[in-house]
C-alpha atoms as a PDB file:
ATOM      1  CA  UNK A   1    -201.069  55.551 -34.367  1.00  0.00           C
ATOM      2  CA  UNK A   2    -198.472  58.306 -34.559  1.00  0.00           C
ATOM      3  CA  UNK A   3    -197.498  59.470 -38.028  1.00  0.00           C
ATOM      4  CA  UNK A   4    -193.739  59.955 -38.324  1.00  0.00           C
ATOM      5  CA  UNK A   5    -192.307  61.892 -41.233  1.00  0.00           C
ATOM      6  CA  UNK A   6    -189.036  63.762 -40.737  1.00  0.00           C
ATOM      7  CA  UNK A   7    -189.647  66.201 -43.591  1.00  0.00           C
ATOM      8  CA  UNK A   8    -193.362  66.707 -42.996  1.00  0.00           C
ATOM      9  CA  UNK A   9    -194.137  65.659 -39.421  1.00  0.00           C
ATOM     10  CA  UNK A  10    -197.725  65.515 -38.260  1.00  0.00           C
ATOM     11  CA  UNK A  11    -198.961  68.579 -36.366  1.00  0.00           C
ATOM     12  CA  UNK A  12    -201.872  68.259 -33.950  1.00  0.00           C
ATOM     13  CA  UNK A  13    -203.816  71.532 -33.745  1.00  0.00           C
ATOM     14  CA  UNK A  14    -205.919  71.706 -30.571  1.00  0.00           C
ATOM     15  CA  UNK A  15    -208.905  74.054 -30.369  1.00  0.00           C
ATOM     16  CA  UNK A  16    -210.664  74.489 -26.992  1.00  0.00           C
ATOM     17  CA  UNK A  17    -214.272  75.564 -27.610  1.00  0.00           C
ATOM     18  CA  UNK A  18    -216.873  77.213 -25.396  1.00  0.00           C
ATOM     19  CA  UNK A  19    -219.698  79.618 -26.332  1.00  0.00           C
ATOM     20  CA  UNK A  20    -218.104  80.935 -29.535  1.00  0.00           C
ATOM     21  CA  UNK A  21    -220.588  79.932 -32.229  1.00  0.00           C
ATOM     22  CA  UNK A  22    -220.302  83.416 -33.771  1.00  0.00           C
ATOM     23  CA  UNK A  23    -216.568  82.937 -34.439  1.00  0.00           C
ATOM     24  CA  UNK A  24    -216.050  79.176 -34.597  1.00  0.00           C
ATOM     25  CA  UNK A  25    -216.554  78.481 -38.306  1.00  0.00           C
ATOM     26  CA  UNK A  26    -214.020  81.136 -39.323  1.00  0.00           C
ATOM     27  CA  UNK A  27    -211.517  79.686 -36.853  1.00  0.00           C
ATOM     28  CA  UNK A  28    -211.896  76.093 -38.089  1.00  0.00           C
ATOM     29  CA  UNK A  29    -211.848  77.138 -41.741  1.00  0.00           C
ATOM     30  CA  UNK A  30    -208.557  78.981 -41.205  1.00  0.00           C
ATOM     31  CA  UNK A  31    -206.991  75.790 -39.829  1.00  0.00           C
ATOM     32  CA  UNK A  32    -208.400  73.602 -42.616  1.00  0.00           C
ATOM     33  CA  UNK A  33    -206.912  76.058 -45.142  1.00  0.00           C
ATOM     34  CA  UNK A  34    -203.338  75.608 -43.896  1.00  0.00           C
ATOM     35  CA  UNK A  35    -200.742  75.306 -46.659  1.00  0.00           C
ATOM     36  CA  UNK A  36    -199.074  72.687 -44.465  1.00  0.00           C
ATOM     37  CA  UNK A  37    -201.616  69.886 -44.851  1.00  0.00           C
ATOM     38  CA  UNK A  38    -200.203  67.141 -42.618  1.00  0.00           C
ATOM     39  CA  UNK A  39    -202.245  68.162 -39.609  1.00  0.00           C
ATOM     40  CA  UNK A  40    -204.887  66.672 -37.379  1.00  0.00           C
ATOM     41  CA  UNK A  41    -207.431  69.110 -36.010  1.00  0.00           C
ATOM     42  CA  UNK A  42    -208.716  68.340 -32.522  1.00  0.00           C
ATOM     43  CA  UNK A  43    -211.878  70.271 -31.684  1.00  0.00           C
ATOM     44  CA  UNK A  44    -212.633  70.114 -27.967  1.00  0.00           C
ATOM     45  CA  UNK A  45    -216.248  71.024 -27.214  1.00  0.00           C
ATOM     46  CA  UNK A  46    -215.929  71.961 -23.546  1.00  0.00           C
ATOM     47  CA  UNK A  47    -219.605  71.493 -22.730  1.00  0.00           C
ATOM     48  CA  UNK A  48    -220.606  74.517 -24.774  1.00  0.00           C
ATOM     49  CA  UNK A  49    -224.348  75.260 -24.306  1.00  0.00           C
ATOM     50  CA  UNK A  50    -224.810  76.799 -27.767  1.00  0.00           C
ATOM     51  CA  UNK A  51    -224.459  75.269 -31.237  1.00  0.00           C
ATOM     52  CA  UNK A  52    -220.676  74.828 -31.061  1.00  0.00           C
ATOM     53  CA  UNK A  53    -220.903  71.062 -30.633  1.00  0.00           C
ATOM     54  CA  UNK A  54    -223.022  70.689 -33.772  1.00  0.00           C
ATOM     55  CA  UNK A  55    -220.701  72.997 -35.737  1.00  0.00           C
ATOM     56  CA  UNK A  56    -217.764  70.790 -34.744  1.00  0.00           C
ATOM     57  CA  UNK A  57    -219.574  67.603 -35.782  1.00  0.00           C
ATOM     58  CA  UNK A  58    -220.591  69.113 -39.125  1.00  0.00           C
ATOM     59  CA  UNK A  59    -216.988  70.065 -39.915  1.00  0.00           C
ATOM     60  CA  UNK A  60    -215.822  66.557 -38.944  1.00  0.00           C
ATOM     61  CA  UNK A  61    -218.013  65.073 -41.690  1.00  0.00           C
ATOM     62  CA  UNK A  62    -216.271  67.271 -44.258  1.00  0.00           C
ATOM     63  CA  UNK A  63    -212.603  66.725 -43.330  1.00  0.00           C
ATOM     64  CA  UNK A  64    -211.167  63.406 -42.170  1.00  0.00           C
ATOM     65  CA  UNK A  65    -208.345  65.251 -40.364  1.00  0.00           C
ATOM     66  CA  UNK A  66    -210.827  66.547 -37.780  1.00  0.00           C
ATOM     67  CA  UNK A  67    -211.428  64.801 -34.450  1.00  0.00           C
ATOM     68  CA  UNK A  68    -214.105  66.028 -32.049  1.00  0.00           C
ATOM     69  CA  UNK A  69    -214.182  65.652 -28.278  1.00  0.00           C
ATOM     70  CA  UNK A  70    -217.406  66.430 -26.412  1.00  0.00           C
ATOM     71  CA  UNK A  71    -216.792  66.817 -22.685  1.00  0.00           C
ATOM     72  CA  UNK A  72    -218.258  68.393 -19.590  1.00  0.00           C
ATOM     73  CA  UNK A  73    -217.251  71.996 -19.054  1.00  0.00           C
ATOM     74  CA  UNK A  74    -213.925  72.191 -17.279  1.00  0.00           C
ATOM     75  CA  UNK A  75    -212.391  75.415 -18.526  1.00  0.00           C
ATOM     76  CA  UNK A  76    -209.718  76.327 -21.052  1.00  0.00           C
ATOM     77  CA  UNK A  77    -206.902  74.335 -19.443  1.00  0.00           C
ATOM     78  CA  UNK A  78    -209.052  71.225 -19.126  1.00  0.00           C
ATOM     79  CA  UNK A  79    -210.024  71.437 -22.801  1.00  0.00           C
ATOM     80  CA  UNK A  80    -206.444  71.911 -23.972  1.00  0.00           C
ATOM     81  CA  UNK A  81    -205.269  69.030 -21.795  1.00  0.00           C
ATOM     82  CA  UNK A  82    -207.968  66.756 -23.209  1.00  0.00           C
ATOM     83  CA  UNK A  83    -206.689  67.552 -26.688  1.00  0.00           C
ATOM     84  CA  UNK A  84    -203.072  66.911 -25.735  1.00  0.00           C
ATOM     85  CA  UNK A  85    -204.022  63.529 -24.293  1.00  0.00           C
ATOM     86  CA  UNK A  86    -205.378  62.218 -27.608  1.00  0.00           C
ATOM     87  CA  UNK A  87    -203.025  64.057 -29.975  1.00  0.00           C
ATOM     88  CA  UNK A  88    -200.930  61.809 -32.211  1.00  0.00           C
ATOM     89  CA  UNK A  89    -198.785  64.480 -33.840  1.00  0.00           C
ATOM     90  CA  UNK A  90    -195.073  64.924 -33.272  1.00  0.00           C
ATOM     91  CA  UNK A  91    -195.835  68.638 -32.835  1.00  0.00           C
ATOM     92  CA  UNK A  92    -198.626  70.456 -31.002  1.00  0.00           C
ATOM     93  CA  UNK A  93    -200.269  73.797 -31.732  1.00  0.00           C
ATOM     94  CA  UNK A  94    -203.119  75.629 -30.005  1.00  0.00           C
ATOM     95  CA  UNK A  95    -205.678  77.968 -31.538  1.00  0.00           C
ATOM     96  CA  UNK A  96    -208.301  79.736 -29.430  1.00  0.00           C
ATOM     97  CA  UNK A  97    -211.740  79.269 -30.959  1.00  0.00           C
ATOM     98  CA  UNK A  98    -212.540  82.962 -31.452  1.00  0.00           C
ATOM     99  CA  UNK A  99    -209.247  83.603 -33.248  1.00  0.00           C
ATOM    100  CA  UNK A 100    -207.996  82.622 -36.696  1.00  0.00           C
ATOM    101  CA  UNK A 101    -204.642  81.873 -38.288  1.00  0.00           C
ATOM    102  CA  UNK A 102    -202.996  82.796 -41.561  1.00  0.00           C
ATOM    103  CA  UNK A 103    -202.771  79.972 -44.134  1.00  0.00           C
ATOM    104  CA  UNK A 104    -198.973  79.925 -43.910  1.00  0.00           C
ATOM    105  CA  UNK A 105    -198.727  79.782 -40.111  1.00  0.00           C
ATOM    106  CA  UNK A 106    -197.772  76.168 -39.490  1.00  0.00           C
ATOM    107  CA  UNK A 107    -195.725  75.941 -42.674  1.00  0.00           C
ATOM    108  CA  UNK A 108    -193.556  78.804 -41.457  1.00  0.00           C
ATOM    109  CA  UNK A 109    -193.330  77.541 -37.877  1.00  0.00           C
ATOM    110  CA  UNK A 110    -192.407  73.952 -38.731  1.00  0.00           C
ATOM    111  CA  UNK A 111    -189.910  75.152 -41.360  1.00  0.00           C
ATOM    112  CA  UNK A 112    -188.269  77.378 -38.745  1.00  0.00           C
ATOM    113  CA  UNK A 113    -188.088  74.509 -36.259  1.00  0.00           C
ATOM    114  CA  UNK A 114    -186.509  72.134 -38.767  1.00  0.00           C
ATOM    115  CA  UNK A 115    -184.110  74.718 -40.207  1.00  0.00           C
ATOM    116  CA  UNK A 116    -182.925  75.956 -36.808  1.00  0.00           C
ATOM    117  CA  UNK A 117    -183.043  72.564 -35.076  1.00  0.00           C
ATOM    118  CA  UNK A 118    -185.274  73.760 -32.252  1.00  0.00           C
ATOM    119  CA  UNK A 119    -188.236  72.167 -30.492  1.00  0.00           C
ATOM    120  CA  UNK A 120    -190.279  75.349 -30.244  1.00  0.00           C
ATOM    121  CA  UNK A 121    -191.182  78.182 -32.598  1.00  0.00           C
ATOM    122  CA  UNK A 122    -193.145  81.376 -31.961  1.00  0.00           C
ATOM    123  CA  UNK A 123    -194.609  83.835 -34.453  1.00  0.00           C
ATOM    124  CA  UNK A 124    -195.642  87.479 -34.469  1.00  0.00           C
ATOM    125  CA  UNK A 125    -199.300  88.316 -33.855  1.00  0.00           C
ATOM    126  CA  UNK A 126    -201.992  90.498 -35.422  1.00  0.00           C
ATOM    127  CA  UNK A 127    -204.416  92.136 -32.988  1.00  0.00           C
ATOM    128  CA  UNK A 128    -207.791  92.061 -34.748  1.00  0.00           C
ATOM    129  CA  UNK A 129    -210.755  94.174 -33.650  1.00  0.00           C
ATOM    130  CA  UNK A 130    -214.392  93.306 -34.306  1.00  0.00           C
ATOM    131  CA  UNK A 131    -214.639  96.208 -36.779  1.00  0.00           C
ATOM    132  CA  UNK A 132    -211.931  94.371 -38.821  1.00  0.00           C
ATOM    133  CA  UNK A 133    -209.218  96.846 -37.872  1.00  0.00           C
ATOM    134  CA  UNK A 134    -205.835  95.149 -37.478  1.00  0.00           C
ATOM    135  CA  UNK A 135    -202.906  96.314 -35.356  1.00  0.00           C
ATOM    136  CA  UNK A 136    -199.501  94.665 -35.362  1.00  0.00           C
ATOM    137  CA  UNK A 137    -196.616  95.432 -33.034  1.00  0.00           C
ATOM    138  CA  UNK A 138    -194.315  97.751 -34.960  1.00  0.00           C
ATOM    139  CA  UNK A 139    -191.066  96.286 -33.641  1.00  0.00           C
ATOM    140  CA  UNK A 140    -191.334  92.853 -35.214  1.00  0.00           C
ATOM    141  CA  UNK A 141    -187.614  92.426 -35.772  1.00  0.00           C
ATOM    142  CA  UNK A 142    -186.344  89.659 -38.058  1.00  0.00           C
ATOM    143  CA  UNK A 143    -186.536  85.873 -38.110  1.00  0.00           C
ATOM    144  CA  UNK A 144    -184.014  84.563 -35.600  1.00  0.00           C
ATOM    145  CA  UNK A 145    -183.375  82.160 -32.752  1.00  0.00           C
ATOM    146  CA  UNK A 146    -183.157  82.904 -29.037  1.00  0.00           C
ATOM    147  CA  UNK A 147    -181.387  80.970 -26.328  1.00  0.00           C
ATOM    148  CA  UNK A 148    -183.267  80.387 -23.079  1.00  0.00           C
ATOM    149  CA  UNK A 149    -181.912  83.542 -21.429  1.00  0.00           C
ATOM    150  CA  UNK A 150    -182.852  85.792 -24.376  1.00  0.00           C
ATOM    151  CA  UNK A 151    -186.211  84.107 -24.887  1.00  0.00           C
ATOM    152  CA  UNK A 152    -187.181  84.623 -21.253  1.00  0.00           C
ATOM    153  CA  UNK A 153    -186.373  88.319 -21.520  1.00  0.00           C
ATOM    154  CA  UNK A 154    -188.438  88.689 -24.695  1.00  0.00           C
ATOM    155  CA  UNK A 155    -191.370  86.736 -23.275  1.00  0.00           C
ATOM    156  CA  UNK A 156    -191.470  88.707 -20.032  1.00  0.00           C
ATOM    157  CA  UNK A 157    -190.925  92.115 -21.635  1.00  0.00           C
ATOM    158  CA  UNK A 158    -193.638  91.427 -24.261  1.00  0.00           C
ATOM    159  CA  UNK A 159    -191.526  93.211 -26.842  1.00  0.00           C
ATOM    160  CA  UNK A 160    -192.152  90.810 -29.711  1.00  0.00           C
ATOM    161  CA  UNK A 161    -193.952  87.863 -28.091  1.00  0.00           C
ATOM    162  CA  UNK A 162    -195.424  86.839 -24.757  1.00  0.00           C
ATOM    163  CA  UNK A 163    -196.713  83.812 -22.823  1.00  0.00           C
ATOM    164  CA  UNK A 164    -199.691  83.088 -25.067  1.00  0.00           C
ATOM    165  CA  UNK A 165    -199.781  79.380 -25.931  1.00  0.00           C
ATOM    166  CA  UNK A 166    -201.529  79.991 -29.232  1.00  0.00           C
ATOM    167  CA  UNK A 167    -198.746  81.786 -31.163  1.00  0.00           C
ATOM    168  CA  UNK A 168    -196.366  78.834 -30.867  1.00  0.00           C
ATOM    169  CA  UNK A 169    -195.615  75.357 -32.184  1.00  0.00           C
ATOM    170  CA  UNK A 170    -194.188  72.767 -29.792  1.00  0.00           C
ATOM    171  CA  UNK A 171    -192.516  69.402 -30.053  1.00  0.00           C
ATOM    172  CA  UNK A 172    -194.731  67.095 -28.034  1.00  0.00           C
ATOM    173  CA  UNK A 173    -191.793  66.149 -25.767  1.00  0.00           C
ATOM    174  CA  UNK A 174    -192.042  69.609 -24.211  1.00  0.00           C
ATOM    175  CA  UNK A 175    -195.371  68.572 -22.664  1.00  0.00           C
ATOM    176  CA  UNK A 176    -194.121  65.285 -21.213  1.00  0.00           C
ATOM    177  CA  UNK A 177    -195.662  65.082 -17.732  1.00  0.00           C
ATOM    178  CA  UNK A 178    -196.630  68.752 -18.036  1.00  0.00           C
ATOM    179  CA  UNK A 179    -200.151  70.117 -18.518  1.00  0.00           C
ATOM    180  CA  UNK A 180    -201.975  73.423 -18.243  1.00  0.00           C
ATOM    181  CA  UNK A 181    -203.123  74.053 -14.646  1.00  0.00           C
ATOM    182  CA  UNK A 182    -206.858  73.541 -14.320  1.00  0.00           C
ATOM    183  CA  UNK A 183    -208.970  76.014 -12.389  1.00  0.00           C
ATOM    184  CA  UNK A 184    -206.550  78.870 -13.128  1.00  0.00           C
ATOM    185  CA  UNK A 185    -206.540  81.902 -15.377  1.00  0.00           C
ATOM    186  CA  UNK A 186    -203.240  83.042 -16.914  1.00  0.00           C
ATOM    187  CA  UNK A 187    -202.728  79.313 -17.439  1.00  0.00           C
ATOM    188  CA  UNK A 188    -200.076  79.956 -20.100  1.00  0.00           C
ATOM    189  CA  UNK A 189    -197.942  81.953 -17.651  1.00  0.00           C
ATOM    190  CA  UNK A 190    -197.897  79.053 -15.189  1.00  0.00           C
ATOM    191  CA  UNK A 191    -196.117  76.695 -17.584  1.00  0.00           C
ATOM    192  CA  UNK A 192    -194.498  78.673 -20.415  1.00  0.00           C
ATOM    193  CA  UNK A 193    -191.218  79.342 -18.570  1.00  0.00           C
ATOM    194  CA  UNK A 194    -190.962  75.605 -17.876  1.00  0.00           C
ATOM    195  CA  UNK A 195    -191.530  74.819 -21.549  1.00  0.00           C
ATOM    196  CA  UNK A 196    -188.911  77.376 -22.569  1.00  0.00           C
ATOM    197  CA  UNK A 197    -186.528  75.794 -20.074  1.00  0.00           C
ATOM    198  CA  UNK A 198    -187.045  72.398 -21.688  1.00  0.00           C
ATOM    199  CA  UNK A 199    -186.673  73.818 -25.193  1.00  0.00           C
ATOM    200  CA  UNK A 200    -183.588  75.968 -24.355  1.00  0.00           C
ATOM    201  CA  UNK A 201    -183.529  77.289 -27.924  1.00  0.00           C
ATOM    202  CA  UNK A 202    -186.513  79.041 -29.549  1.00  0.00           C
ATOM    203  CA  UNK A 203    -187.157  79.937 -33.192  1.00  0.00           C
ATOM    204  CA  UNK A 204    -188.862  83.239 -33.917  1.00  0.00           C
ATOM    205  CA  UNK A 205    -190.891  83.954 -37.080  1.00  0.00           C
ATOM    206  CA  UNK A 206    -191.322  87.706 -37.527  1.00  0.00           C
ATOM    207  CA  UNK A 207    -194.233  87.407 -39.963  1.00  0.00           C
ATOM    208  CA  UNK A 208    -197.591  87.856 -38.183  1.00  0.00           C
ATOM    209  CA  UNK A 209    -199.291  84.467 -38.490  1.00  0.00           C
ATOM    210  CA  UNK A 210    -201.854  84.479 -35.683  1.00  0.00           C
ATOM    211  CA  UNK A 211    -204.931  86.711 -35.616  1.00  0.00           C
ATOM    212  CA  UNK A 212    -205.810  87.476 -31.996  1.00  0.00           C
ATOM    213  CA  UNK A 213    -209.370  88.788 -31.719  1.00  0.00           C
ATOM    214  CA  UNK A 214    -209.886  91.655 -29.273  1.00  0.00           C
ATOM    215  CA  UNK A 215    -213.372  90.890 -27.963  1.00  0.00           C
ATOM    216  CA  UNK A 216    -215.022  93.437 -25.709  1.00  0.00           C
ATOM    217  CA  UNK A 217    -216.728  90.683 -23.730  1.00  0.00           C
ATOM    218  CA  UNK A 218    -213.791  88.300 -23.604  1.00  0.00           C
ATOM    219  CA  UNK A 219    -212.210  86.669 -20.560  1.00  0.00           C
ATOM    220  CA  UNK A 220    -209.889  89.665 -20.161  1.00  0.00           C
ATOM    221  CA  UNK A 221    -212.816  92.104 -19.972  1.00  0.00           C
ATOM    222  CA  UNK A 222    -214.527  90.968 -16.797  1.00  0.00           C
ATOM    223  CA  UNK A 223    -215.843  92.677 -13.686  1.00  0.00           C
ATOM    224  CA  UNK A 224    -214.371  89.907 -11.545  1.00  0.00           C
ATOM    225  CA  UNK A 225    -210.666  90.607 -11.498  1.00  0.00           C
ATOM    226  CA  UNK A 226    -208.506  87.515 -11.144  1.00  0.00           C
ATOM    227  CA  UNK A 227    -205.041  87.682  -9.587  1.00  0.00           C
ATOM    228  CA  UNK A 228    -203.639  84.475 -11.122  1.00  0.00           C
ATOM    229  CA  UNK A 229    -201.359  86.488 -13.406  1.00  0.00           C
ATOM    230  CA  UNK A 230    -199.492  87.765 -10.356  1.00  0.00           C
ATOM    231  CA  UNK A 231    -199.425  84.338  -8.689  1.00  0.00           C
ATOM    232  CA  UNK A 232    -198.010  82.734 -11.846  1.00  0.00           C
ATOM    233  CA  UNK A 233    -195.313  85.413 -12.051  1.00  0.00           C
ATOM    234  CA  UNK A 234    -194.359  84.742  -8.438  1.00  0.00           C
ATOM    235  CA  UNK A 235    -193.966  81.034  -9.187  1.00  0.00           C
ATOM    236  CA  UNK A 236    -191.796  81.901 -12.181  1.00  0.00           C
ATOM    237  CA  UNK A 237    -189.689  84.219  -9.996  1.00  0.00           C
ATOM    238  CA  UNK A 238    -189.107  81.481  -7.428  1.00  0.00           C
ATOM    239  CA  UNK A 239    -188.316  78.935 -10.156  1.00  0.00           C
ATOM    240  CA  UNK A 240    -185.731  81.197 -11.797  1.00  0.00           C
ATOM    241  CA  UNK A 241    -184.191  82.274  -8.518  1.00  0.00           C
ATOM    242  CA  UNK A 242    -183.591  78.647  -7.585  1.00  0.00           C
ATOM    243  CA  UNK A 243    -182.498  77.221 -10.941  1.00  0.00           C
ATOM    244  CA  UNK A 244    -181.146  80.237 -12.829  1.00  0.00           C
ATOM    245  CA  UNK A 245    -179.819  82.796 -10.303  1.00  0.00           C
ATOM    246  CA  UNK A 246    -178.405  84.818 -13.203  1.00  0.00           C
ATOM    247  CA  UNK A 247    -182.049  85.553 -14.116  1.00  0.00           C
ATOM    248  CA  UNK A 248    -182.944  86.787 -10.643  1.00  0.00           C
ATOM    249  CA  UNK A 249    -183.404  90.375 -11.799  1.00  0.00           C
ATOM    250  CA  UNK A 250    -185.689  89.237 -14.604  1.00  0.00           C
ATOM    251  CA  UNK A 251    -187.827  87.131 -12.275  1.00  0.00           C
ATOM    252  CA  UNK A 252    -188.319  89.860  -9.696  1.00  0.00           C
ATOM    253  CA  UNK A 253    -188.959  92.621 -12.228  1.00  0.00           C
ATOM    254  CA  UNK A 254    -191.458  90.407 -14.048  1.00  0.00           C
ATOM    255  CA  UNK A 255    -193.241  89.684 -10.759  1.00  0.00           C
ATOM    256  CA  UNK A 256    -193.575  93.402 -10.006  1.00  0.00           C
ATOM    257  CA  UNK A 257    -194.760  93.986 -13.563  1.00  0.00           C
ATOM    258  CA  UNK A 258    -197.386  91.245 -13.207  1.00  0.00           C
ATOM    259  CA  UNK A 259    -198.695  92.773  -9.986  1.00  0.00           C
ATOM    260  CA  UNK A 260    -199.074  96.087 -11.795  1.00  0.00           C
ATOM    261  CA  UNK A 261    -200.780  94.331 -14.704  1.00  0.00           C
ATOM    262  CA  UNK A 262    -203.427  92.971 -12.337  1.00  0.00           C
ATOM    263  CA  UNK A 263    -203.988  96.483 -11.002  1.00  0.00           C
ATOM    264  CA  UNK A 264    -204.293  97.698 -14.603  1.00  0.00           C
ATOM    265  CA  UNK A 265    -207.089  95.161 -15.081  1.00  0.00           C
ATOM    266  CA  UNK A 266    -209.151  96.993 -12.473  1.00  0.00           C
ATOM    267  CA  UNK A 267    -208.762 100.215 -14.471  1.00  0.00           C
ATOM    268  CA  UNK A 268    -209.516  98.571 -17.837  1.00  0.00           C
ATOM    269  CA  UNK A 269    -212.699  97.009 -16.497  1.00  0.00           C
ATOM    270  CA  UNK A 270    -213.775 100.094 -14.509  1.00  0.00           C
ATOM    271  CA  UNK A 271    -213.760  98.094 -11.283  1.00  0.00           C
ATOM    272  CA  UNK A 272    -212.784  99.719  -8.000  1.00  0.00           C
ATOM    273  CA  UNK A 273    -209.629  98.105  -6.617  1.00  0.00           C
ATOM    274  CA  UNK A 274    -209.863  97.318  -2.871  1.00  0.00           C
ATOM    275  CA  UNK A 275    -207.485  99.390  -0.754  1.00  0.00           C
ATOM    276  CA  UNK A 276    -205.852  96.258   0.679  1.00  0.00           C
ATOM    277  CA  UNK A 277    -204.979  95.158  -2.853  1.00  0.00           C
ATOM    278  CA  UNK A 278    -203.635  98.571  -3.792  1.00  0.00           C
ATOM    279  CA  UNK A 279    -201.462  98.433  -0.690  1.00  0.00           C
ATOM    280  CA  UNK A 280    -200.276  94.964  -1.677  1.00  0.00           C
ATOM    281  CA  UNK A 281    -199.422  95.991  -5.244  1.00  0.00           C
ATOM    282  CA  UNK A 282    -197.511  99.007  -3.972  1.00  0.00           C
ATOM    283  CA  UNK A 283    -195.548  96.829  -1.563  1.00  0.00           C
ATOM    284  CA  UNK A 284    -194.626  94.410  -4.363  1.00  0.00           C
ATOM    285  CA  UNK A 285    -193.317  97.298  -6.478  1.00  0.00           C
ATOM    286  CA  UNK A 286    -191.463  98.813  -3.524  1.00  0.00           C
ATOM    287  CA  UNK A 287    -189.866  95.529  -2.439  1.00  0.00           C
ATOM    288  CA  UNK A 288    -188.633  94.930  -5.977  1.00  0.00           C
ATOM    289  CA  UNK A 289    -187.609  98.511  -6.784  1.00  0.00           C
ATOM    290  CA  UNK A 290    -183.895  97.663  -7.025  1.00  0.00           C
ATOM    291  CA  UNK A 291    -184.586  94.824  -9.459  1.00  0.00           C
ATOM    292  CA  UNK A 292    -186.751  97.158 -11.531  1.00  0.00           C
ATOM    293  CA  UNK A 293    -183.940  99.702 -11.586  1.00  0.00           C
ATOM    294  CA  UNK A 294    -181.419  97.068 -12.713  1.00  0.00           C
ATOM    295  CA  UNK A 295    -183.684  95.504 -15.332  1.00  0.00           C
ATOM    296  CA  UNK A 296    -182.090  96.663 -18.585  1.00  0.00           C
ATOM    297  CA  UNK A 297    -184.808  94.984 -20.624  1.00  0.00           C
ATOM    298  CA  UNK A 298    -187.494  97.284 -19.200  1.00  0.00           C
ATOM    299  CA  UNK A 299    -188.240 100.339 -21.318  1.00  0.00           C
ATOM    300  CA  UNK A 300    -187.922 103.823 -19.871  1.00  0.00           C
ATOM    301  CA  UNK A 301    -191.683 104.244 -20.139  1.00  0.00           C
ATOM    302  CA  UNK A 302    -192.223 101.067 -18.117  1.00  0.00           C
ATOM    303  CA  UNK A 303    -189.912 102.278 -15.372  1.00  0.00           C
ATOM    304  CA  UNK A 304    -191.711 105.618 -15.335  1.00  0.00           C
ATOM    305  CA  UNK A 305    -194.955 103.664 -15.011  1.00  0.00           C
ATOM    306  CA  UNK A 306    -193.643 101.965 -11.859  1.00  0.00           C
ATOM    307  CA  UNK A 307    -192.541 105.304 -10.416  1.00  0.00           C
ATOM    308  CA  UNK A 308    -195.854 106.988 -11.110  1.00  0.00           C
ATOM    309  CA  UNK A 309    -197.801 104.130  -9.526  1.00  0.00           C
ATOM    310  CA  UNK A 310    -195.623 104.351  -6.419  1.00  0.00           C
ATOM    311  CA  UNK A 311    -196.182 108.103  -6.113  1.00  0.00           C
ATOM    312  CA  UNK A 312    -199.895 108.469  -6.882  1.00  0.00           C
ATOM    313  CA  UNK A 313    -202.463 105.889  -7.956  1.00  0.00           C
ATOM    314  CA  UNK A 314    -204.921 108.680  -8.834  1.00  0.00           C
ATOM    315  CA  UNK A 315    -202.442 110.244 -11.278  1.00  0.00           C
ATOM    316  CA  UNK A 316    -201.466 106.787 -12.530  1.00  0.00           C
ATOM    317  CA  UNK A 317    -205.098 105.971 -13.323  1.00  0.00           C
ATOM    318  CA  UNK A 318    -205.488 109.098 -15.448  1.00  0.00           C
ATOM    319  CA  UNK A 319    -202.261 108.576 -17.382  1.00  0.00           C
ATOM    320  CA  UNK A 320    -202.995 104.878 -17.904  1.00  0.00           C
ATOM    321  CA  UNK A 321    -206.427 105.579 -19.403  1.00  0.00           C
ATOM    322  CA  UNK A 322    -204.940 108.076 -21.852  1.00  0.00           C
ATOM    323  CA  UNK A 323    -202.117 105.705 -22.766  1.00  0.00           C
ATOM    324  CA  UNK A 324    -204.593 102.856 -23.213  1.00  0.00           C
ATOM    325  CA  UNK A 325    -206.624 104.847 -25.729  1.00  0.00           C
ATOM    326  CA  UNK A 326    -203.500 105.499 -27.757  1.00  0.00           C
ATOM    327  CA  UNK A 327    -201.942 102.027 -27.622  1.00  0.00           C
ATOM    328  CA  UNK A 328    -205.151  99.938 -27.558  1.00  0.00           C
ATOM    329  CA  UNK A 329    -203.280  96.618 -27.212  1.00  0.00           C
END
C-alpha cells in the first residue's frame, strides 16, 4: 500500500547488489542513517554468488523499512527494474551497492523538489578512492533549478552532473512505462534524457551528497571495451533532432564526445583499439566537426581534445594519459 504524505512523502531507495560483500554493509548503513526517515530500502540481490544475500537478510531483521529481493542474475538494469516494480514510494532513488550516501542526501533532495516544485532533483558527487582520498568537482555552483534545455547541456557537458542514476531523486511518474534497458551498459544514458524530458524542470543541490567509489576493478575498468555509451548517445541525438531541433547541436556534439569517450576507455584499460574502430571514431568526429565548433557549452580544452584526436591518435594517447594522471576523475 502506497504511503502518501505531502510534507514527508515516502522515498523508495533501490540498491542493486552483485558481488560487493566488501562494501555492502557500509552502503546499507549509510541509507539506514538518513536524516529523512520515511524511506523504504529495497535490496535487490541479483544472484550474487558471495555472502551478499545473507548480509541483506541480516539487515532486514534489524530494520522493518528494508525489503529484500533474491533473483537470478540479470545485470544492473534488471535489478533496478525489479526494485522499481515493487516500490511503493512516491519518489524513487538509486544507490549502487559499492557506494555510500551522506546522511542528509534525501532530506536535501526532497526538500529541493518540494520547494522548487519539480519532479526531479540531482546532487553534487564526491569521488572516493579506496585509500579514502576524496575528490569533488571544484565548480559546484549554487543550488538552483534548470529547465530542460539547460539541464540537458549540463548533463551532457558533465560540468556539475551527468547521466548517473544514483545522484538523483525522481517522482515515480517519471518511470511510468519506462525502465532501464536490460543487457546494456551505459544504461543510465539510454533513458536519462527521456526522464529529463518528462520532468522539464530539474532541481540542483550543490552540496556533495553521494559518495561514488572509484574501484580499480569496477565495471568501468575492464579489458572488454563496450560501445554502448556511443550507441546511447546516438539514440539521444536522434531523439533530440526529431523532438527538439533547437538542441541539434547539443545532440551531435554529445554523440561525437561519446564516441571519443569509448576510445578513451581503450587507453584507460590499456587495451589496443582495433583500427576499424579508430577509423569509425575519427569519422564520427569529422562528420560532426561543425556541431563541435558551434557547441558553446564545450570547453576550449574539450575542443582541443577533438582536434588532437583528429590529427594524431599517437599524440592524443600520450596527452590523454598525462591529463588522466592529473585529473583522475
